[in-house]
């Protein structure tokens, strides 16, 4: 019996994992459709680097479990895993170059607009938290794979996906709200969508960890803690001291 055949039963629980990964992929694409995918010609170089690398990352998140659970192709899975490690670095690095741009033109933002100053300052903090969790999750997924801990590897990879999904989900909620309001954006903002998207994210995380992981895994609690920060959108985003500190650091 070769190593490929022996590996197959260990992945049996995740046979349809690649199909379930299409959901976060779809949420991200739809969420950023109006701000990126449908306006590629207007995007900046930094946005293209981040958008393309993030898209390729999501593609690998779908392809990788398919290769190992359906094709039992360990060699190609490892090759794409190495490529994915490089992509993760590009995703995180490009995100860090974009984060300061949240407050570049904050003085010109409409206080009642969809992306307003309150959310702009909060976004700087939460984006750093989520990107840090993304990088840590990818690193731990690699570590668990080297230890041949498949369950740990899968759960840390799930964490990397959900760590960076909430911005797309919140924007998808915004698109849905605007469409429901017949194109009128009045009264619709990311500040107001923060809590609904947080609840939706937490419910999704619970569902995926119940199906493919364990509530006792540290990645589950790190995800829940990171997304719980959306409760503090207003007090953090409106705090003058925090605004001043962020302006010094990022402007």
Protein backbone atom coordinates (compact mmCIF):
# COMPACT_ATOMS: atom_id res chain seq x y z
CA UNK A 1 0.00 0.00 0.00
CA UNK A 2 1.53 3.33 -1.01
CA UNK A 3 1.48 6.56 1.01
CA UNK A 4 -1.25 8.06 -1.19
CA UNK A 5 -3.61 5.18 -0.46
CA UNK A 6 -2.87 5.29 3.26
CA UNK A 7 -3.53 9.05 3.39
CA UNK A 8 -6.98 8.84 1.82
CA UNK A 9 -8.98 7.60 4.89
CA UNK A 10 -7.56 10.37 7.07
CA UNK A 11 -9.15 12.94 4.76
CA UNK A 12 -12.52 11.16 4.49
CA UNK A 13 -14.22 13.64 6.85
CA UNK A 14 -13.25 16.48 4.52
CA UNK A 15 -14.41 14.86 1.28
CA UNK A 16 -16.77 17.75 0.50
CA UNK A 17 -14.72 20.44 2.21
CA UNK A 18 -13.76 22.03 -1.12
CA UNK A 19 -17.44 22.53 -1.97
CA UNK A 20 -18.09 24.26 1.36
CA UNK A 21 -15.15 26.56 0.71
CA UNK A 22 -17.02 27.91 -2.32
CA UNK A 23 -19.36 29.77 0.05
CA UNK A 24 -16.73 32.10 1.61
CA UNK A 25 -15.15 32.48 -1.83
CA UNK A 26 -18.49 33.57 -3.28
CA UNK A 27 -19.17 35.95 -0.38
CA UNK A 28 -15.80 37.63 -0.88
CA UNK A 29 -16.22 38.02 -4.65
CA UNK A 30 -19.77 39.37 -4.36
CA UNK A 31 -18.89 41.61 -1.43
CA UNK A 32 -16.06 43.28 -3.30
CA UNK A 33 -17.80 43.24 -6.67
CA UNK A 34 -18.68 46.95 -6.69
CA UNK A 35 -15.50 48.17 -5.02
CA UNK A 36 -13.11 46.03 -7.08
CA UNK A 37 -14.21 43.28 -9.49
CA UNK A 38 -16.64 45.42 -11.48
CA UNK A 39 -14.25 48.40 -11.56
CA UNK A 40 -10.91 46.82 -12.40
CA UNK A 41 -9.91 49.67 -14.70
CA UNK A 42 -10.20 52.16 -11.82
CA UNK A 43 -8.27 50.10 -9.27
CA UNK A 44 -4.83 51.16 -8.06
CA UNK A 45 -1.72 49.01 -8.32
CA UNK A 46 -1.93 48.13 -4.60
CA UNK A 47 -5.57 47.14 -4.98
CA UNK A 48 -4.72 44.90 -7.92
CA UNK A 49 -1.91 43.18 -6.02
CA UNK A 50 -4.20 42.56 -3.06
CA UNK A 51 -7.26 41.65 -5.12
CA UNK A 52 -5.49 39.23 -7.45
CA UNK A 53 -3.47 37.54 -4.69
CA UNK A 54 -6.56 37.20 -2.47
CA UNK A 55 -8.56 35.74 -5.36
CA UNK A 56 -5.83 33.20 -6.13
CA UNK A 57 -5.64 32.36 -2.42
CA UNK A 58 -9.35 31.55 -2.36
CA UNK A 59 -8.97 29.46 -5.51
CA UNK A 60 -6.28 27.41 -3.78
CA UNK A 61 -8.48 27.03 -0.70
CA UNK A 62 -11.00 25.30 -2.96
CA UNK A 63 -8.52 23.35 -5.09
CA UNK A 64 -6.26 22.08 -2.31
CA UNK A 65 -8.81 19.96 -0.39
CA UNK A 66 -10.16 18.67 -3.71
CA UNK A 67 -6.70 17.45 -4.71
CA UNK A 68 -6.14 15.57 -1.47
CA UNK A 69 -9.62 14.18 -0.79
CA UNK A 70 -10.83 13.38 -4.30
CA UNK A 71 -7.66 12.99 -6.35
CA UNK A 72 -5.38 11.82 -3.50
CA UNK A 73 -2.65 13.81 -5.20
CA UNK A 74 -0.24 14.52 -2.36
CA UNK A 75 2.59 15.74 -4.58
CA UNK A 76 0.51 18.44 -6.26
CA UNK A 77 -1.13 19.34 -2.95
CA UNK A 78 2.33 20.02 -1.49
CA UNK A 79 3.39 22.02 -4.55
CA UNK A 80 0.30 24.23 -4.39
CA UNK A 81 0.78 24.49 -0.65
CA UNK A 82 4.20 26.06 -1.22
CA UNK A 83 2.68 28.45 -3.74
CA UNK A 84 -0.10 29.22 -1.25
CA UNK A 85 2.45 30.15 1.40
CA UNK A 86 3.93 32.77 -0.93
CA UNK A 87 0.44 33.99 -1.85
CA UNK A 88 -0.48 34.36 1.82
CA UNK A 89 2.52 36.64 2.29
CA UNK A 90 1.46 38.76 -0.69
CA UNK A 91 -2.15 38.92 0.56
CA UNK A 92 -1.03 40.10 4.00
CA UNK A 93 1.67 42.45 2.73
CA UNK A 94 -0.61 44.11 0.20
CA UNK A 95 -3.36 44.44 2.81
CA UNK A 96 -0.96 46.24 5.13
CA UNK A 97 -0.18 48.76 2.39
CA UNK A 98 -3.89 49.42 1.87
CA UNK A 99 -4.89 49.71 5.56
CA UNK A 100 -3.48 53.26 6.01
CA UNK A 101 -5.52 54.40 3.01
CA UNK A 102 -8.67 53.96 5.13
CA UNK A 103 -7.88 57.27 6.80
CA UNK A 104 -5.91 59.04 4.05
CA UNK A 105 -8.90 61.18 3.06
CA UNK A 106 -10.91 60.79 6.23
CA UNK A 107 -11.60 64.53 6.44
CA UNK A 108 -13.55 64.36 3.18
CA UNK A 109 -15.74 61.42 4.21
CA UNK A 110 -19.43 61.99 4.84
CA UNK A 111 -20.14 61.34 8.58
CA UNK A 112 -23.38 59.68 7.52
CA UNK A 113 -21.98 57.93 4.45
CA UNK A 114 -21.59 54.24 3.73
CA UNK A 115 -17.86 54.36 4.61
CA UNK A 116 -17.67 57.15 7.18
CA UNK A 117 -14.92 58.42 9.51
CA UNK A 118 -16.14 56.31 12.43
CA UNK A 119 -15.77 53.09 10.48
CA UNK A 120 -12.59 54.27 8.74
CA UNK A 121 -10.69 54.57 12.03
CA UNK A 122 -12.14 51.33 13.37
CA UNK A 123 -11.27 49.55 10.12
CA UNK A 124 -7.58 50.37 10.56
CA UNK A 125 -7.52 48.53 13.88
CA UNK A 126 -9.73 45.58 13.00
CA UNK A 127 -7.93 45.03 9.68
CA UNK A 128 -4.58 44.79 11.48
CA UNK A 129 -6.11 42.31 13.94
CA UNK A 130 -7.64 40.17 11.19
CA UNK A 131 -4.54 40.19 8.97
CA UNK A 132 -2.41 39.21 11.97
CA UNK A 133 -4.79 36.32 12.68
CA UNK A 134 -4.65 35.35 9.00
CA UNK A 135 -0.86 35.13 9.04
CA UNK A 136 -0.80 33.27 12.35
CA UNK A 137 -3.38 30.79 11.04
CA UNK A 138 -1.40 30.08 7.88
CA UNK A 139 1.75 29.60 9.93
CA UNK A 140 0.01 27.22 12.33
CA UNK A 141 -1.55 25.30 9.42
CA UNK A 142 1.93 24.70 8.00
CA UNK A 143 3.20 23.66 11.43
CA UNK A 144 0.35 21.20 11.94
CA UNK A 145 0.92 19.72 8.48
CA UNK A 146 4.56 19.11 9.33
CA UNK A 147 3.34 17.31 12.47
CA UNK A 148 0.95 15.30 10.24
CA UNK A 149 -1.96 16.61 12.32
CA UNK A 150 -4.62 16.77 9.62
CA UNK A 151 -7.44 18.00 11.88
CA UNK A 152 -5.26 20.82 13.16
CA UNK A 153 -4.13 21.70 9.65
CA UNK A 154 -7.71 21.91 8.35
CA UNK A 155 -8.93 24.01 11.27
CA UNK A 156 -6.11 26.52 10.99
CA UNK A 157 -6.73 26.78 7.24
CA UNK A 158 -10.42 27.42 7.97
CA UNK A 159 -9.34 30.10 10.40
CA UNK A 160 -7.23 31.78 7.70
CA UNK A 161 -10.32 31.94 5.46
CA UNK A 162 -12.68 33.33 8.08
CA UNK A 163 -10.08 35.75 9.43
CA UNK A 164 -10.30 37.82 6.25
CA UNK A 165 -13.92 37.24 5.25
CA UNK A 166 -15.77 39.82 7.36
CA UNK A 167 -14.88 42.88 5.21
CA UNK A 168 -16.42 41.17 2.18
CA UNK A 169 -19.42 39.96 4.15
CA UNK A 170 -20.16 43.44 5.56
CA UNK A 171 -19.99 44.92 2.07
CA UNK A 172 -22.26 42.17 0.75
CA UNK A 173 -24.78 43.12 3.44
CA UNK A 174 -24.42 46.70 2.26
CA UNK A 175 -25.08 45.77 -1.37
CA UNK A 176 -28.16 43.79 -0.31
CA UNK A 177 -29.43 46.73 1.80
CA UNK A 178 -28.92 49.21 -1.05
CA UNK A 179 -30.71 46.92 -3.50
CA UNK A 180 -33.58 46.45 -1.04
CA UNK A 181 -33.73 50.24 -0.73
CA UNK A 182 -33.96 50.53 -4.55
CA UNK A 183 -30.50 52.01 -4.91
CA UNK A 184 -30.91 54.64 -2.21
CA UNK A 185 -27.89 54.61 0.13
CA UNK A 186 -29.40 57.00 2.67
CA UNK A 187 -29.10 55.64 6.18
CA UNK A 188 -26.98 52.65 5.10
CA UNK A 189 -23.46 52.49 6.53
CA UNK A 190 -20.81 49.97 7.48
CA UNK A 191 -21.16 51.16 11.08
CA UNK A 192 -24.77 49.96 11.17
CA UNK A 193 -23.87 46.78 9.30
CA UNK A 194 -21.06 45.93 11.72
CA UNK A 195 -23.18 44.02 14.24
CA UNK A 196 -25.31 42.08 11.70
CA UNK A 197 -22.20 41.00 9.82
CA UNK A 198 -20.51 40.06 13.12
CA UNK A 199 -23.44 37.83 14.08
CA UNK A 200 -23.50 36.26 10.61
CA UNK A 201 -19.75 35.63 10.75
CA UNK A 202 -19.96 34.01 14.17
CA UNK A 203 -22.84 31.78 13.11
CA UNK A 204 -20.91 30.73 10.02
CA UNK A 205 -17.80 29.99 12.07
CA UNK A 206 -19.84 27.90 14.51
CA UNK A 207 -21.39 25.96 11.63
CA UNK A 208 -18.08 25.20 9.94
CA UNK A 209 -16.33 24.20 13.15
CA UNK A 210 -19.22 21.95 14.11
CA UNK A 211 -18.99 20.28 10.71
CA UNK A 212 -15.24 20.19 10.14
CA UNK A 213 -13.56 21.01 13.43
CA UNK A 214 -13.93 21.34 17.17
CA UNK A 215 -15.12 24.15 19.43
CA UNK A 216 -12.17 23.34 21.67
CA UNK A 217 -9.63 24.23 19.00
CA UNK A 218 -7.78 27.52 19.72
CA UNK A 219 -8.44 28.83 16.22
CA UNK A 220 -12.19 28.80 16.91
CA UNK A 221 -11.85 31.03 19.95
CA UNK A 222 -9.37 33.33 18.26
CA UNK A 223 -11.86 33.85 15.42
CA UNK A 224 -14.70 34.55 17.83
CA UNK A 225 -12.61 37.02 19.81
CA UNK A 226 -11.36 38.82 16.69
CA UNK A 227 -14.88 39.30 15.33
CA UNK A 228 -16.31 40.31 18.71
CA UNK A 229 -14.42 43.59 18.22
CA UNK A 230 -17.24 44.74 15.90
CA UNK A 231 -19.25 45.46 19.06
CA UNK A 232 -16.90 48.41 19.60
CA UNK A 233 -17.14 50.05 16.18
CA UNK A 234 -18.61 53.32 17.49
CA UNK A 235 -16.67 53.79 20.76
CA UNK A 236 -13.38 52.92 19.07
CA UNK A 237 -14.03 54.76 15.81
CA UNK A 238 -15.16 57.94 17.57
CA UNK A 239 -12.47 58.01 20.26
CA UNK A 240 -10.35 61.11 19.67
CA UNK A 241 -7.27 59.66 21.38
CA UNK A 242 -7.40 56.57 19.20
CA UNK A 243 -7.91 58.72 16.12
CA UNK A 244 -4.87 60.84 16.99
CA UNK A 245 -2.65 57.81 17.61
CA UNK A 246 -3.72 56.14 14.37
CA UNK A 247 -3.17 59.36 12.44
CA UNK A 248 0.39 59.58 13.78
CA UNK A 249 1.15 55.95 12.97
CA UNK A 250 -0.53 55.58 9.59
CA UNK A 251 -0.51 59.06 8.03
